[in-house]
């Protein structure tokens, strides 16, 4: 990735940690507005990185649930 995407991804990861801890979804827009004041390209990259990372979180949660369900289904019967 280029520097814009690298920085945007780092900011997205840090932002999502804060959002997950606080539940403050408006935080993303506040950061985006701040970034956008200097660089629209960076703002767009940040928002894209946030969407990608959120999608990744949802996908990983689904995969974990499916794996857990499969483990229960395929587990040997208890004696």
PDB file of N, CA and C in Angstrom:
ATOM      1  N   UNK A   1       0.841  -1.186   0.000  1.00  0.00           N
ATOM      2  CA  UNK A   1       0.000   0.000   0.000  1.00  0.00           C
ATOM      3  C   UNK A   1       0.882   1.243   0.000  1.00  0.00           C
ATOM      4  N   UNK A   2       0.294   2.341  -0.417  1.00  0.00           N
ATOM      5  CA  UNK A   2       0.997   3.614  -0.380  1.00  0.00           C
ATOM      6  C   UNK A   2       0.876   4.261   0.983  1.00  0.00           C
ATOM      7  N   UNK A   3       1.561   5.362   1.146  1.00  0.00           N
ATOM      8  CA  UNK A   3       1.577   6.032   2.446  1.00  0.00           C
ATOM      9  C   UNK A   3       0.178   6.469   2.876  1.00  0.00           C
ATOM     10  N   UNK A   4      -0.632   6.946   1.939  1.00  0.00           N
ATOM     11  CA  UNK A   4      -1.985   7.389   2.289  1.00  0.00           C
ATOM     12  C   UNK A   4      -2.787   6.223   2.850  1.00  0.00           C
ATOM     13  N   UNK A   5      -2.758   5.095   2.168  1.00  0.00           N
ATOM     14  CA  UNK A   5      -3.509   3.928   2.622  1.00  0.00           C
ATOM     15  C   UNK A   5      -2.958   3.384   3.935  1.00  0.00           C
ATOM     16  N   UNK A   6      -1.638   3.392   4.081  1.00  0.00           N
ATOM     17  CA  UNK A   6      -1.026   2.904   5.327  1.00  0.00           C
ATOM     18  C   UNK A   6      -1.454   3.748   6.520  1.00  0.00           C
ATOM     19  N   UNK A   7      -1.360   5.060   6.362  1.00  0.00           N
ATOM     20  CA  UNK A   7      -1.740   5.961   7.457  1.00  0.00           C
ATOM     21  C   UNK A   7      -3.236   5.860   7.731  1.00  0.00           C
ATOM     22  N   UNK A   8      -4.036   5.817   6.678  1.00  0.00           N
ATOM     23  CA  UNK A   8      -5.486   5.709   6.843  1.00  0.00           C
ATOM     24  C   UNK A   8      -5.856   4.431   7.583  1.00  0.00           C
ATOM     25  N   UNK A   9      -5.197   3.328   7.255  1.00  0.00           N
ATOM     26  CA  UNK A   9      -5.480   2.057   7.919  1.00  0.00           C
ATOM     27  C   UNK A   9      -5.082   2.107   9.392  1.00  0.00           C
ATOM     28  N   UNK A  10      -3.941   2.705   9.692  1.00  0.00           N
ATOM     29  CA  UNK A  10      -3.523   2.848  11.097  1.00  0.00           C
ATOM     30  C   UNK A  10      -4.540   3.678  11.875  1.00  0.00           C
ATOM     31  N   UNK A  11      -4.975   4.784  11.285  1.00  0.00           N
ATOM     32  CA  UNK A  11      -5.977   5.626  11.942  1.00  0.00           C
ATOM     33  C   UNK A  11      -7.297   4.879  12.112  1.00  0.00           C
ATOM     34  N   UNK A  12      -7.677   4.105  11.117  1.00  0.00           N
ATOM     35  CA  UNK A  12      -8.917   3.328  11.201  1.00  0.00           C
ATOM     36  C   UNK A  12      -8.841   2.315  12.333  1.00  0.00           C
ATOM     37  N   UNK A  13      -7.721   1.614  12.446  1.00  0.00           N
ATOM     38  CA  UNK A  13      -7.561   0.628  13.523  1.00  0.00           C
ATOM     39  C   UNK A  13      -7.644   1.291  14.894  1.00  0.00           C
ATOM     40  N   UNK A  14      -6.957   2.423  15.055  1.00  0.00           N
ATOM     41  CA  UNK A  14      -7.008   3.140  16.333  1.00  0.00           C
ATOM     42  C   UNK A  14      -8.418   3.634  16.620  1.00  0.00           C
ATOM     43  N   UNK A  15      -9.080   4.158  15.597  1.00  0.00           N
ATOM     44  CA  UNK A  15     -10.444   4.656  15.767  1.00  0.00           C
ATOM     45  C   UNK A  15     -11.394   3.546  16.179  1.00  0.00           C
ATOM     46  N   UNK A  16     -11.276   2.388  15.547  1.00  0.00           N
ATOM     47  CA  UNK A  16     -12.173   1.280  15.872  1.00  0.00           C
ATOM     48  C   UNK A  16     -11.947   0.766  17.290  1.00  0.00           C
ATOM     49  N   UNK A  17     -10.726   0.825  17.777  1.00  0.00           N
ATOM     50  CA  UNK A  17     -10.474   0.452  19.178  1.00  0.00           C
ATOM     51  C   UNK A  17     -11.241   1.386  20.104  1.00  0.00           C
ATOM     52  N   UNK A  18     -11.189   2.683  19.804  1.00  0.00           N
ATOM     53  CA  UNK A  18     -11.902   3.666  20.628  1.00  0.00           C
ATOM     54  C   UNK A  18     -13.404   3.460  20.517  1.00  0.00           C
ATOM     55  N   UNK A  19     -13.895   3.247  19.304  1.00  0.00           N
ATOM     56  CA  UNK A  19     -15.331   3.043  19.094  1.00  0.00           C
ATOM     57  C   UNK A  19     -15.809   1.783  19.801  1.00  0.00           C
ATOM     58  N   UNK A  20     -15.044   0.704  19.704  1.00  0.00           N
ATOM     59  CA  UNK A  20     -15.425  -0.540  20.378  1.00  0.00           C
ATOM     60  C   UNK A  20     -15.448  -0.362  21.891  1.00  0.00           C
ATOM     61  N   UNK A  21     -14.570   0.471  22.417  1.00  0.00           N
ATOM     62  CA  UNK A  21     -14.513   0.697  23.865  1.00  0.00           C
ATOM     63  C   UNK A  21     -15.605   1.644  24.343  1.00  0.00           C
ATOM     64  N   UNK A  22     -15.952   2.638  23.516  1.00  0.00           N
ATOM     65  CA  UNK A  22     -16.886   3.674  23.958  1.00  0.00           C
ATOM     66  C   UNK A  22     -18.280   3.558  23.358  1.00  0.00           C
ATOM     67  N   UNK A  23     -18.391   2.891  22.204  1.00  0.00           N
ATOM     68  CA  UNK A  23     -19.674   2.831  21.507  1.00  0.00           C
ATOM     69  C   UNK A  23     -20.007   4.111  20.756  1.00  0.00           C
ATOM     70  N   UNK A  24     -19.048   5.023  20.646  1.00  0.00           N
ATOM     71  CA  UNK A  24     -19.260   6.324  20.009  1.00  0.00           C
ATOM     72  C   UNK A  24     -18.989   6.239  18.510  1.00  0.00           C
ATOM     73  N   UNK A  25     -20.022   5.893  17.726  1.00  0.00           N
ATOM     74  CA  UNK A  25     -19.864   5.775  16.273  1.00  0.00           C
ATOM     75  C   UNK A  25     -19.612   7.121  15.600  1.00  0.00           C
ATOM     76  N   UNK A  26     -19.994   8.218  16.243  1.00  0.00           N
ATOM     77  CA  UNK A  26     -19.773   9.546  15.669  1.00  0.00           C
ATOM     78  C   UNK A  26     -18.289   9.899  15.624  1.00  0.00           C
ATOM     79  N   UNK A  27     -17.484   9.151  16.359  1.00  0.00           N
ATOM     80  CA  UNK A  27     -16.044   9.395  16.398  1.00  0.00           C
ATOM     81  C   UNK A  27     -15.436   9.326  15.001  1.00  0.00           C
ATOM     82  N   UNK A  28     -15.879   8.383  14.197  1.00  0.00           N
ATOM     83  CA  UNK A  28     -15.347   8.220  12.837  1.00  0.00           C
ATOM     84  C   UNK A  28     -15.545   9.501  12.038  1.00  0.00           C
ATOM     85  N   UNK A  29     -16.726  10.069  12.107  1.00  0.00           N
ATOM     86  CA  UNK A  29     -16.998  11.272  11.323  1.00  0.00           C
ATOM     87  C   UNK A  29     -16.200  12.462  11.834  1.00  0.00           C
ATOM     88  N   UNK A  30     -16.005  12.556  13.146  1.00  0.00           N
ATOM     89  CA  UNK A  30     -15.197  13.658  13.687  1.00  0.00           C
ATOM     90  C   UNK A  30     -13.765  13.576  13.167  1.00  0.00           C
ATOM     91  N   UNK A  31     -13.204  12.368  13.162  1.00  0.00           N
ATOM     92  CA  UNK A  31     -11.845  12.189  12.638  1.00  0.00           C
ATOM     93  C   UNK A  31     -11.828  12.485  11.141  1.00  0.00           C
ATOM     94  N   UNK A  32     -12.815  11.978  10.416  1.00  0.00           N
ATOM     95  CA  UNK A  32     -12.877  12.211   8.968  1.00  0.00           C
ATOM     96  C   UNK A  32     -12.970  13.702   8.652  1.00  0.00           C
ATOM     97  N   UNK A  33     -13.779  14.427   9.410  1.00  0.00           N
ATOM     98  CA  UNK A  33     -13.905  15.870   9.189  1.00  0.00           C
ATOM     99  C   UNK A  33     -12.581  16.582   9.436  1.00  0.00           C
ATOM    100  N   UNK A  34     -11.882  16.163  10.472  1.00  0.00           N
ATOM    101  CA  UNK A  34     -10.582  16.762  10.780  1.00  0.00           C
ATOM    102  C   UNK A  34      -9.586  16.492   9.660  1.00  0.00           C
ATOM    103  N   UNK A  35      -9.538  15.254   9.207  1.00  0.00           N
ATOM    104  CA  UNK A  35      -8.633  14.886   8.110  1.00  0.00           C
ATOM    105  C   UNK A  35      -9.021  15.630   6.833  1.00  0.00           C
ATOM    106  N   UNK A  36     -10.307  15.679   6.552  1.00  0.00           N
ATOM    107  CA  UNK A  36     -10.794  16.291   5.321  1.00  0.00           C
ATOM    108  C   UNK A  36     -10.478  17.765   5.212  1.00  0.00           C
ATOM    109  N   UNK A  37     -10.259  18.418   6.342  1.00  0.00           N
ATOM    110  CA  UNK A  37      -9.875  19.823   6.315  1.00  0.00           C
ATOM    111  C   UNK A  37      -8.526  20.036   5.657  1.00  0.00           C
ATOM    112  N   UNK A  38      -7.708  18.999   5.653  1.00  0.00           N
ATOM    113  CA  UNK A  38      -6.374  19.097   5.056  1.00  0.00           C
ATOM    114  C   UNK A  38      -6.239  18.301   3.768  1.00  0.00           C
ATOM    115  N   UNK A  39      -6.924  17.154   3.708  1.00  0.00           N
ATOM    116  CA  UNK A  39      -6.747  16.280   2.544  1.00  0.00           C
ATOM    117  C   UNK A  39      -7.997  15.444   2.304  1.00  0.00           C
ATOM    118  N   UNK A  40      -8.690  15.759   1.224  1.00  0.00           N
ATOM    119  CA  UNK A  40      -9.878  14.985   0.871  1.00  0.00           C
ATOM    120  C   UNK A  40      -9.493  13.553   0.508  1.00  0.00           C
ATOM    121  N   UNK A  41      -8.352  13.382  -0.125  1.00  0.00           N
ATOM    122  CA  UNK A  41      -7.878  12.042  -0.487  1.00  0.00           C
ATOM    123  C   UNK A  41      -7.675  11.193   0.757  1.00  0.00           C
ATOM    124  N   UNK A  42      -7.061  11.782   1.776  1.00  0.00           N
ATOM    125  CA  UNK A  42      -6.815  11.066   3.027  1.00  0.00           C
ATOM    126  C   UNK A  42      -8.138  10.757   3.730  1.00  0.00           C
ATOM    127  N   UNK A  43      -9.071  11.695   3.695  1.00  0.00           N
ATOM    128  CA  UNK A  43     -10.385  11.470   4.307  1.00  0.00           C
ATOM    129  C   UNK A  43     -11.072  10.267   3.663  1.00  0.00           C
ATOM    130  N   UNK A  44     -11.067  10.209   2.341  1.00  0.00           N
ATOM    131  CA  UNK A  44     -11.702   9.099   1.634  1.00  0.00           C
ATOM    132  C   UNK A  44     -11.004   7.778   1.940  1.00  0.00           C
ATOM    133  N   UNK A  45      -9.684   7.805   2.010  1.00  0.00           N
ATOM    134  CA  UNK A  45      -8.932   6.583   2.331  1.00  0.00           C
ATOM    135  C   UNK A  45      -9.249   6.118   3.749  1.00  0.00           C
ATOM    136  N   UNK A  46      -9.363   7.056   4.677  1.00  0.00           N
ATOM    137  CA  UNK A  46      -9.695   6.731   6.072  1.00  0.00           C
ATOM    138  C   UNK A  46     -11.079   6.090   6.159  1.00  0.00           C
ATOM    139  N   UNK A  47     -12.061   6.718   5.526  1.00  0.00           N
ATOM    140  CA  UNK A  47     -13.422   6.173   5.579  1.00  0.00           C
ATOM    141  C   UNK A  47     -13.491   4.795   4.925  1.00  0.00           C
ATOM    142  N   UNK A  48     -12.756   4.609   3.846  1.00  0.00           N
ATOM    143  CA  UNK A  48     -12.698   3.293   3.203  1.00  0.00           C
ATOM    144  C   UNK A  48     -12.066   2.274   4.138  1.00  0.00           C
ATOM    145  N   UNK A  49     -10.976   2.651   4.791  1.00  0.00           N
ATOM    146  CA  UNK A  49     -10.295   1.738   5.715  1.00  0.00           C
ATOM    147  C   UNK A  49     -11.209   1.364   6.880  1.00  0.00           C
ATOM    148  N   UNK A  50     -11.978   2.324   7.384  1.00  0.00           N
ATOM    149  CA  UNK A  50     -12.917   2.030   8.474  1.00  0.00           C
ATOM    150  C   UNK A  50     -13.960   1.024   7.997  1.00  0.00           C
ATOM    151  N   UNK A  51     -14.516   1.233   6.809  1.00  0.00           N
ATOM    152  CA  UNK A  51     -15.522   0.298   6.278  1.00  0.00           C
ATOM    153  C   UNK A  51     -14.934  -1.098   6.098  1.00  0.00           C
ATOM    154  N   UNK A  52     -13.723  -1.161   5.556  1.00  0.00           N
ATOM    155  CA  UNK A  52     -13.076  -2.458   5.338  1.00  0.00           C
ATOM    156  C   UNK A  52     -12.822  -3.154   6.669  1.00  0.00           C
ATOM    157  N   UNK A  53     -12.310  -2.438   7.649  1.00  0.00           N
ATOM    158  CA  UNK A  53     -12.018  -3.036   8.959  1.00  0.00           C
ATOM    159  C   UNK A  53     -13.291  -3.453   9.683  1.00  0.00           C
ATOM    160  N   UNK A  54     -14.361  -2.681   9.540  1.00  0.00           N
ATOM    161  CA  UNK A  54     -15.640  -3.080  10.153  1.00  0.00           C
ATOM    162  C   UNK A  54     -16.168  -4.351   9.495  1.00  0.00           C
ATOM    163  N   UNK A  55     -16.068  -4.410   8.179  1.00  0.00           N
ATOM    164  CA  UNK A  55     -16.497  -5.615   7.460  1.00  0.00           C
ATOM    165  C   UNK A  55     -15.666  -6.809   7.902  1.00  0.00           C
ATOM    166  N   UNK A  56     -14.372  -6.590   8.078  1.00  0.00           N
ATOM    167  CA  UNK A  56     -13.501  -7.669   8.552  1.00  0.00           C
ATOM    168  C   UNK A  56     -13.939  -8.152   9.933  1.00  0.00           C
ATOM    169  N   UNK A  57     -14.243  -7.218  10.839  1.00  0.00           N
ATOM    170  CA  UNK A  57     -14.696  -7.599  12.186  1.00  0.00           C
ATOM    171  C   UNK A  57     -15.956  -8.450  12.110  1.00  0.00           C
ATOM    172  N   UNK A  58     -16.921  -8.016  11.299  1.00  0.00           N
ATOM    173  CA  UNK A  58     -18.175  -8.775  11.176  1.00  0.00           C
ATOM    174  C   UNK A  58     -17.924 -10.159  10.598  1.00  0.00           C
ATOM    175  N   UNK A  59     -17.070 -10.231   9.593  1.00  0.00           N
ATOM    176  CA  UNK A  59     -16.764 -11.525   8.974  1.00  0.00           C
ATOM    177  C   UNK A  59     -16.071 -12.455   9.964  1.00  0.00           C
ATOM    178  N   UNK A  60     -15.134 -11.931  10.734  1.00  0.00           N
ATOM    179  CA  UNK A  60     -14.425 -12.763  11.717  1.00  0.00           C
ATOM    180  C   UNK A  60     -15.370 -13.249  12.821  1.00  0.00           C
ATOM    181  N   UNK A  61     -16.303 -12.385  13.237  1.00  0.00           N
ATOM    182  CA  UNK A  61     -17.288 -12.796  14.237  1.00  0.00           C
ATOM    183  C   UNK A  61     -18.165 -13.922  13.689  1.00  0.00           C
ATOM    184  N   UNK A  62     -18.595 -13.791  12.440  1.00  0.00           N
ATOM    185  CA  UNK A  62     -19.413 -14.832  11.812  1.00  0.00           C
ATOM    186  C   UNK A  62     -18.633 -16.136  11.702  1.00  0.00           C
ATOM    187  N   UNK A  63     -17.392 -16.065  11.248  1.00  0.00           N
ATOM    188  CA  UNK A  63     -16.572 -17.273  11.126  1.00  0.00           C
ATOM    189  C   UNK A  63     -16.383 -17.954  12.473  1.00  0.00           C
ATOM    190  N   UNK A  64     -16.172 -17.168  13.522  1.00  0.00           N
ATOM    191  CA  UNK A  64     -16.009 -17.746  14.859  1.00  0.00           C
ATOM    192  C   UNK A  64     -17.288 -18.458  15.285  1.00  0.00           C
ATOM    193  N   UNK A  65     -18.422 -17.822  15.056  1.00  0.00           N
ATOM    194  CA  UNK A  65     -19.706 -18.437  15.399  1.00  0.00           C
ATOM    195  C   UNK A  65     -19.907 -19.737  14.630  1.00  0.00           C
ATOM    196  N   UNK A  66     -19.626 -19.711  13.340  1.00  0.00           N
ATOM    197  CA  UNK A  66     -19.785 -20.919  12.523  1.00  0.00           C
ATOM    198  C   UNK A  66     -18.847 -22.029  12.983  1.00  0.00           C
ATOM    199  N   UNK A  67     -17.601 -21.685  13.290  1.00  0.00           N
ATOM    200  CA  UNK A  67     -16.645 -22.687  13.772  1.00  0.00           C
ATOM    201  C   UNK A  67     -17.098 -23.273  15.103  1.00  0.00           C
ATOM    202  N   UNK A  68     -17.581 -22.410  15.999  1.00  0.00           N
ATOM    203  CA  UNK A  68     -18.062 -22.890  17.294  1.00  0.00           C
ATOM    204  C   UNK A  68     -19.256 -23.825  17.118  1.00  0.00           C
ATOM    205  N   UNK A  69     -20.177 -23.451  16.232  1.00  0.00           N
ATOM    206  CA  UNK A  69     -21.348 -24.293  15.966  1.00  0.00           C
ATOM    207  C   UNK A  69     -20.934 -25.633  15.369  1.00  0.00           C
ATOM    208  N   UNK A  70     -19.973 -25.597  14.456  1.00  0.00           N
ATOM    209  CA  UNK A  70     -19.493 -26.840  13.846  1.00  0.00           C
ATOM    210  C   UNK A  70     -18.815 -27.729  14.884  1.00  0.00           C
ATOM    211  N   UNK A  71     -18.064 -27.123  15.779  1.00  0.00           N
ATOM    212  CA  UNK A  71     -17.375 -27.901  16.807  1.00  0.00           C
ATOM    213  C   UNK A  71     -18.388 -28.603  17.709  1.00  0.00           C
ATOM    214  N   UNK A  72     -19.491 -27.928  18.021  1.00  0.00           N
ATOM    215  CA  UNK A  72     -20.529 -28.536  18.852  1.00  0.00           C
ATOM    216  C   UNK A  72     -21.206 -29.688  18.111  1.00  0.00           C
ATOM    217  N   UNK A  73     -21.472 -29.475  16.839  1.00  0.00           N
ATOM    218  CA  UNK A  73     -22.148 -30.481  16.025  1.00  0.00           C
ATOM    219  C   UNK A  73     -21.268 -31.700  15.793  1.00  0.00           C
ATOM    220  N   UNK A  74     -19.990 -31.465  15.577  1.00  0.00           N
ATOM    221  CA  UNK A  74     -19.075 -32.549  15.236  1.00  0.00           C
ATOM    222  C   UNK A  74     -18.371 -33.154  16.447  1.00  0.00           C
ATOM    223  N   UNK A  75     -18.617 -32.599  17.617  1.00  0.00           N
ATOM    224  CA  UNK A  75     -17.953 -33.104  18.822  1.00  0.00           C
ATOM    225  C   UNK A  75     -18.428 -34.522  19.118  1.00  0.00           C
ATOM    226  N   UNK A  76     -17.525 -35.370  19.577  1.00  0.00           N
ATOM    227  CA  UNK A  76     -17.931 -36.740  19.919  1.00  0.00           C
ATOM    228  C   UNK A  76     -18.904 -36.719  21.100  1.00  0.00           C
ATOM    229  N   UNK A  77     -19.828 -37.646  21.115  1.00  0.00           N
ATOM    230  CA  UNK A  77     -20.798 -37.677  22.219  1.00  0.00           C
ATOM    231  C   UNK A  77     -20.095 -37.950  23.547  1.00  0.00           C
ATOM    232  N   UNK A  78     -20.609 -37.298  24.574  1.00  0.00           N
ATOM    233  CA  UNK A  78     -20.046 -37.506  25.914  1.00  0.00           C
ATOM    234  C   UNK A  78     -20.582 -38.800  26.492  1.00  0.00           C
ATOM    235  N   UNK A  79     -19.747 -39.493  27.225  1.00  0.00           N
ATOM    236  CA  UNK A  79     -20.167 -40.775  27.815  1.00  0.00           C
ATOM    237  C   UNK A  79     -20.637 -40.600  29.223  1.00  0.00           C
TER     238      UNK A  79
END
